[in-house]
Protein backbone atom coordinates (compact mmCIF):
# COMPACT_ATOMS: atom_id res chain seq x y z
CA ALA A 1 -5.78 44.19 -25.82
CA ARG A 2 -6.62 42.64 -29.40
CA ASN A 3 -5.40 39.12 -28.64
CA PRO A 4 -5.24 38.47 -24.46
CA ARG A 5 -4.03 35.11 -25.33
CA LEU A 6 -0.71 36.40 -26.95
CA ILE A 7 2.28 35.12 -25.11
CA HIS A 8 5.44 37.45 -26.08
CA CYS A 9 8.69 36.10 -24.92
CA SER A 10 11.87 38.34 -24.99
CA ALA A 11 15.38 37.19 -24.15
CA VAL A 12 17.51 40.35 -22.60
CA GLY A 13 20.49 40.86 -21.16
CA PHE A 14 19.30 41.91 -18.00
CA GLY A 15 16.09 42.08 -16.15
CA GLN A 16 14.34 45.46 -17.45
CA ASP A 17 13.02 46.52 -13.92
CA GLY A 18 16.94 46.78 -12.83
CA PRO A 19 19.62 49.50 -13.42
CA TYR A 20 21.55 47.32 -15.77
CA ALA A 21 18.54 46.79 -18.05
CA ALA A 22 20.21 48.82 -20.95
CA ARG A 23 23.80 47.36 -20.84
CA PRO A 24 24.66 45.14 -23.92
CA ALA A 25 25.40 41.67 -22.86
CA PHE A 26 27.21 39.00 -24.32
CA ASP A 27 28.33 35.69 -23.18
CA ASP A 28 31.44 36.98 -21.79
CA ILE A 29 30.17 39.46 -19.87
CA ILE A 30 27.71 37.32 -18.49
CA GLN A 31 30.18 34.77 -16.95
CA ALA A 32 32.03 37.30 -15.88
CA MET A 33 29.34 38.94 -14.17
CA SER A 34 27.62 36.03 -12.71
CA GLY A 35 30.60 34.51 -10.60
CA LEU A 36 31.05 31.72 -13.31
CA ALA A 37 34.64 33.10 -14.22
CA ASP A 38 35.74 33.45 -10.76
CA LEU A 39 34.66 29.83 -10.10
CA GLN A 40 36.29 28.61 -13.38
CA GLY A 41 39.98 30.24 -12.33
CA ARG A 42 40.29 29.29 -8.53
CA ASN A 43 42.75 26.76 -9.30
CA SER A 44 44.53 28.75 -11.95
CA GLY A 45 45.06 31.75 -10.24
CA ALA A 46 42.97 33.91 -12.63
CA PRO A 47 39.64 34.46 -13.66
CA ALA A 48 39.09 31.69 -16.86
CA TYR A 49 35.91 31.77 -19.47
CA VAL A 50 34.62 28.34 -19.45
CA ASN A 51 35.51 27.13 -23.43
CA THR A 52 31.69 27.39 -24.92
CA ILE A 53 29.25 29.75 -24.90
CA LEU A 54 27.45 28.59 -22.20
CA ALA A 55 25.52 31.97 -20.89
CA ASP A 56 24.34 31.74 -24.48
CA LYS A 57 23.12 28.31 -24.40
CA VAL A 58 21.72 28.03 -20.86
CA ALA A 59 19.79 31.17 -21.60
CA GLY A 60 18.25 29.61 -24.61
CA LEU A 61 17.63 26.58 -23.08
CA THR A 62 15.79 28.61 -20.17
CA LEU A 63 13.75 30.31 -23.00
CA ALA A 64 12.99 26.69 -24.65
CA TYR A 65 11.12 25.83 -21.11
CA ALA A 66 9.64 29.35 -20.44
CA ILE A 67 7.54 29.07 -23.38
CA PRO A 68 5.84 25.66 -22.99
CA MET A 69 5.37 26.83 -19.42
CA ALA A 70 3.57 29.90 -20.70
CA LEU A 71 2.00 27.59 -23.05
CA TYR A 72 0.76 25.18 -20.56
CA GLU A 73 -0.57 28.26 -18.11
CA ARG A 74 -2.63 29.59 -21.00
CA GLU A 75 -4.49 25.96 -21.70
CA ARG A 76 -5.40 26.27 -17.91
CA SER A 77 -6.31 30.11 -17.74
CA GLY A 78 -7.28 31.03 -21.41
CA GLU A 79 -4.66 33.83 -21.13
CA GLY A 80 -1.42 34.93 -22.66
CA GLN A 81 1.63 36.82 -20.75
CA ALA A 82 4.70 38.48 -20.94
CA VAL A 83 7.62 36.24 -20.52
CA GLU A 84 11.06 37.64 -19.86
CA VAL A 85 14.69 35.42 -19.69
CA PRO A 86 17.58 37.66 -18.49
CA MET A 87 20.92 36.24 -19.46
CA PHE A 88 22.58 37.37 -16.37
CA GLU A 89 19.82 36.39 -14.00
CA THR A 90 19.56 33.05 -15.49
CA LEU A 91 23.29 32.31 -15.21
CA VAL A 92 23.01 33.62 -11.79
CA SER A 93 20.79 30.87 -10.76
CA PHE A 94 22.35 28.10 -12.86
CA THR A 95 25.97 28.88 -11.35
CA LEU A 96 24.50 29.06 -7.62
CA VAL A 97 22.53 25.96 -7.64
CA GLU A 98 25.42 24.30 -5.87
CA HIS A 99 27.68 27.20 -4.89
CA MET A 100 25.50 28.98 -2.62
CA SER A 101 26.57 26.51 0.00
CA GLY A 102 27.12 28.19 3.49
CA HIS A 103 25.45 31.10 2.07
CA SER A 104 21.87 29.74 1.83
CA PHE A 105 21.20 30.32 5.37
CA VAL A 106 20.74 33.69 7.03
CA PRO A 107 23.22 34.49 8.91
CA PRO A 108 25.75 32.06 6.55
CA LEU A 109 26.70 28.95 8.43
CA GLY A 110 29.81 28.78 5.85
CA PRO A 111 31.62 30.02 3.06
CA MET A 112 30.15 29.79 -0.72
CA GLY A 113 31.19 27.70 -2.90
CA TYR A 114 31.14 23.20 -3.31
CA SER A 115 34.05 21.68 -2.10
CA ARG A 116 34.27 18.89 -4.40
CA VAL A 117 33.85 20.57 -7.41
CA LEU A 118 36.16 23.48 -6.45
CA SER A 119 39.02 21.00 -5.35
CA PRO A 120 42.13 21.48 -7.46
CA GLN A 121 42.56 17.80 -7.52
CA ARG A 122 39.21 17.08 -9.61
CA ARG A 123 40.66 16.88 -13.12
CA PRO A 124 40.97 14.46 -15.86
CA TYR A 125 43.85 12.13 -14.27
CA ARG A 126 46.88 11.82 -15.97
CA THR A 127 47.64 7.88 -16.81
CA ARG A 128 51.00 6.56 -18.03
CA ASP A 129 50.43 7.18 -21.32
CA GLY A 130 47.45 9.75 -21.64
CA TYR A 131 44.42 11.18 -19.59
CA LEU A 132 41.32 9.25 -17.69
CA ALA A 133 38.01 10.44 -16.51
CA LEU A 134 37.20 8.62 -13.50
CA LEU A 135 34.71 9.56 -10.60
CA PRO A 136 33.46 6.75 -8.05
CA TYR A 137 31.12 8.33 -5.89
CA THR A 138 28.80 5.81 -3.76
CA ASP A 139 30.38 3.88 -0.90
CA ALA A 140 30.29 0.84 -3.18
CA GLN A 141 31.97 2.16 -6.05
CA TRP A 142 35.03 3.41 -3.68
CA GLY A 143 35.24 -0.03 -2.51
CA ARG A 144 35.17 -1.52 -6.11
CA PHE A 145 37.92 0.81 -7.15
CA PHE A 146 40.12 0.49 -3.90
CA ALA A 147 40.21 -3.09 -4.25
CA LEU A 148 40.82 -2.92 -8.12
CA ALA A 149 43.71 -0.76 -7.17
CA GLN A 150 44.84 -3.23 -4.36
CA ARG A 151 45.05 -0.32 -1.60
CA ASP A 152 42.67 -1.84 0.79
CA ASP A 153 44.01 0.65 3.04
CA LEU A 154 42.41 3.13 1.87
CA ALA A 155 39.38 1.35 1.91
CA VAL A 156 39.54 1.39 5.62
CA ASP A 157 41.06 4.85 5.94
CA PRO A 158 39.12 6.91 8.33
CA ARG A 159 39.05 9.93 5.67
CA TYR A 160 37.49 7.82 2.84
CA VAL A 161 35.08 5.11 4.70
CA ASP A 162 31.75 6.90 3.57
CA ALA A 163 30.30 10.11 2.22
CA THR A 164 30.04 12.11 5.21
CA ALA A 165 34.25 11.57 5.64
CA ARG A 166 34.96 11.93 2.03
CA ALA A 167 32.88 15.44 1.89
CA ARG A 168 35.70 16.81 4.78
CA HIS A 169 38.70 15.36 2.51
CA PHE A 170 38.26 15.89 -0.95
CA ASP A 171 41.65 17.18 -1.69
CA GLU A 172 43.37 14.16 -0.33
CA LEU A 173 41.08 12.14 -1.85
CA TYR A 174 41.35 12.89 -5.43
CA GLN A 175 45.20 13.33 -4.90
CA ASP A 176 45.34 9.40 -3.79
CA LEU A 177 42.91 9.11 -6.71
CA ALA A 178 45.31 10.64 -9.05
CA ASP A 179 48.70 8.82 -7.53
CA ILE A 180 46.69 5.51 -8.48
CA VAL A 181 45.55 5.99 -11.90
CA ALA A 182 49.11 7.07 -12.76
CA LEU A 183 50.46 4.02 -12.40
CA ARG A 184 48.57 2.03 -15.49
CA GLY A 185 47.77 3.20 -18.97
CA THR A 186 44.59 4.51 -19.97
CA GLU A 187 43.71 1.59 -21.89
CA GLU A 188 44.76 -0.77 -19.14
CA TRP A 189 42.70 1.19 -17.19
CA LEU A 190 39.83 0.68 -19.55
CA ALA A 191 39.74 -2.81 -19.33
CA LEU A 192 39.91 -3.34 -15.69
CA LEU A 193 36.81 -0.63 -15.02
CA ALA A 194 34.77 -2.07 -18.12
CA ASP A 195 32.65 -4.38 -15.52
CA ALA A 196 33.31 -2.28 -12.41
CA ASP A 197 30.33 -0.37 -12.76
CA ILE A 198 32.39 2.51 -11.73
CA PRO A 199 31.74 6.04 -13.75
CA HIS A 200 34.74 6.13 -16.01
CA SER A 201 36.08 7.35 -19.27
CA ARG A 202 38.87 8.16 -21.58
CA VAL A 203 39.29 12.14 -22.65
CA ASN A 204 38.01 12.44 -25.75
CA THR A 205 38.79 15.77 -28.25
CA PRO A 206 35.98 16.70 -30.15
CA GLU A 207 37.26 15.17 -33.40
CA ALA A 208 37.08 11.79 -31.39
CA LEU A 209 33.30 12.10 -31.35
CA PHE A 210 32.69 11.58 -34.69
CA ASP A 211 34.39 7.84 -34.01
CA ASP A 212 32.28 7.42 -30.97
CA PRO A 213 30.85 4.05 -30.80
CA HIS A 214 27.59 4.45 -28.93
CA LEU A 215 27.36 8.30 -30.98
CA ARG A 216 27.56 5.78 -33.94
CA ALA A 217 25.05 3.27 -32.71
CA THR A 218 22.64 5.95 -32.06
CA GLY A 219 23.01 7.87 -35.48
CA PHE A 220 23.76 10.90 -33.80
CA PHE A 221 25.67 12.95 -36.33
CA GLN A 222 23.51 13.05 -39.69
CA PRO A 223 25.18 13.76 -43.08
CA VAL A 224 22.89 16.29 -44.94
CA GLU A 225 22.37 18.26 -48.14
CA HIS A 226 22.27 21.63 -47.95
CA PRO A 227 20.91 23.33 -51.25
CA THR A 228 23.72 25.89 -51.40
CA GLU A 229 26.86 24.73 -49.65
CA GLY A 230 26.71 20.90 -50.48
CA PRO A 231 27.26 18.15 -48.21
CA LEU A 232 27.49 18.96 -44.33
CA MET A 233 27.78 16.80 -41.28
CA ALA A 234 25.04 17.76 -38.66
CA ALA A 235 24.68 17.13 -34.99
CA GLY A 236 21.33 15.27 -34.24
CA ILE A 237 18.57 16.18 -32.12
CA PRO A 238 19.60 14.69 -28.54
CA VAL A 239 15.99 14.38 -27.18
CA ARG A 240 14.08 11.08 -28.15
CA PHE A 241 10.10 11.01 -28.38
CA SER A 242 8.69 7.68 -29.06
CA ARG A 243 5.63 8.98 -30.95
CA THR A 244 6.77 11.91 -32.79
CA PRO A 245 10.60 11.90 -32.86
CA GLY A 246 12.30 14.77 -34.13
CA GLU A 247 14.20 15.26 -37.57
CA ILE A 248 16.23 17.88 -39.33
CA LYS A 249 14.01 18.96 -42.27
CA ARG A 250 15.35 22.66 -43.25
CA GLN A 251 19.44 23.66 -43.05
CA ALA A 252 20.89 26.67 -41.65
CA PRO A 253 20.11 29.81 -44.16
CA ARG A 254 22.49 31.53 -46.49
CA GLN A 255 23.59 35.04 -44.56
CA ASP A 256 20.25 37.44 -45.86
CA ALA A 257 18.30 34.32 -47.17
CA ASP A 258 15.54 35.08 -45.00
CA ARG A 259 15.62 38.90 -45.10
CA ASP A 260 15.61 38.18 -49.22
CA MET A 261 12.28 36.10 -48.82
CA LEU A 262 10.59 39.08 -47.22
CA LYS A 263 11.51 41.78 -49.92
CA PRO A 264 8.73 42.69 -52.11
CA ALA A 265 8.30 41.48 -55.62
CA ARG A 266 8.92 43.67 -58.37
């Protein structure tokens, strides 16, 4: 009442007008409730969590754009408002963008689930000596790949001639892709694909990212000096602003450091 321009944003586990409002929520629970754990385990036979705190981070990213939306609206209306970002609803929305599929229609025209993403053959492919991520996508890319692989027979295969046909045969297509990739070593494939304009990559470990030539060139990892913990390595700010670039100005505080600052002076 005293400040009608105030914007108050709350991050909660569940929307506060629903029956789950008072439930506790953590990343694993939300992955399970949202359907994500089920989807993640479709090819292994048992539900599985994604190996990153995806629900927490997706909710955080949603918070990060919800607040600027409210700020922008306030510039037009002059009024603030309450903004609520519930983890459960946020991850359901995030997960079902591609997996609503046939259930987007009433009545449903088919099952839920995006068949390409759920194909058991969608995975990094084993080479003779390692693994390769490979995803020809357009008609032109598939044509160039089949030519590089010397598989002209597959280039004219009715199952693979265009995107519509491939969408009906993802399992067979990706199995053929796996069989082809297994014939060469990783470095041989990387050299062969280097100038082919076909999406591909070696499969990096997290440790290997510190030596990635692109991340080195862009200065992504930044050595910093923490006032109490000494030298640290920090991940950089991925967003680039041409006029007001971001920078790491303050390190994470030690436990209770900020609380200590709030204690009254004796």
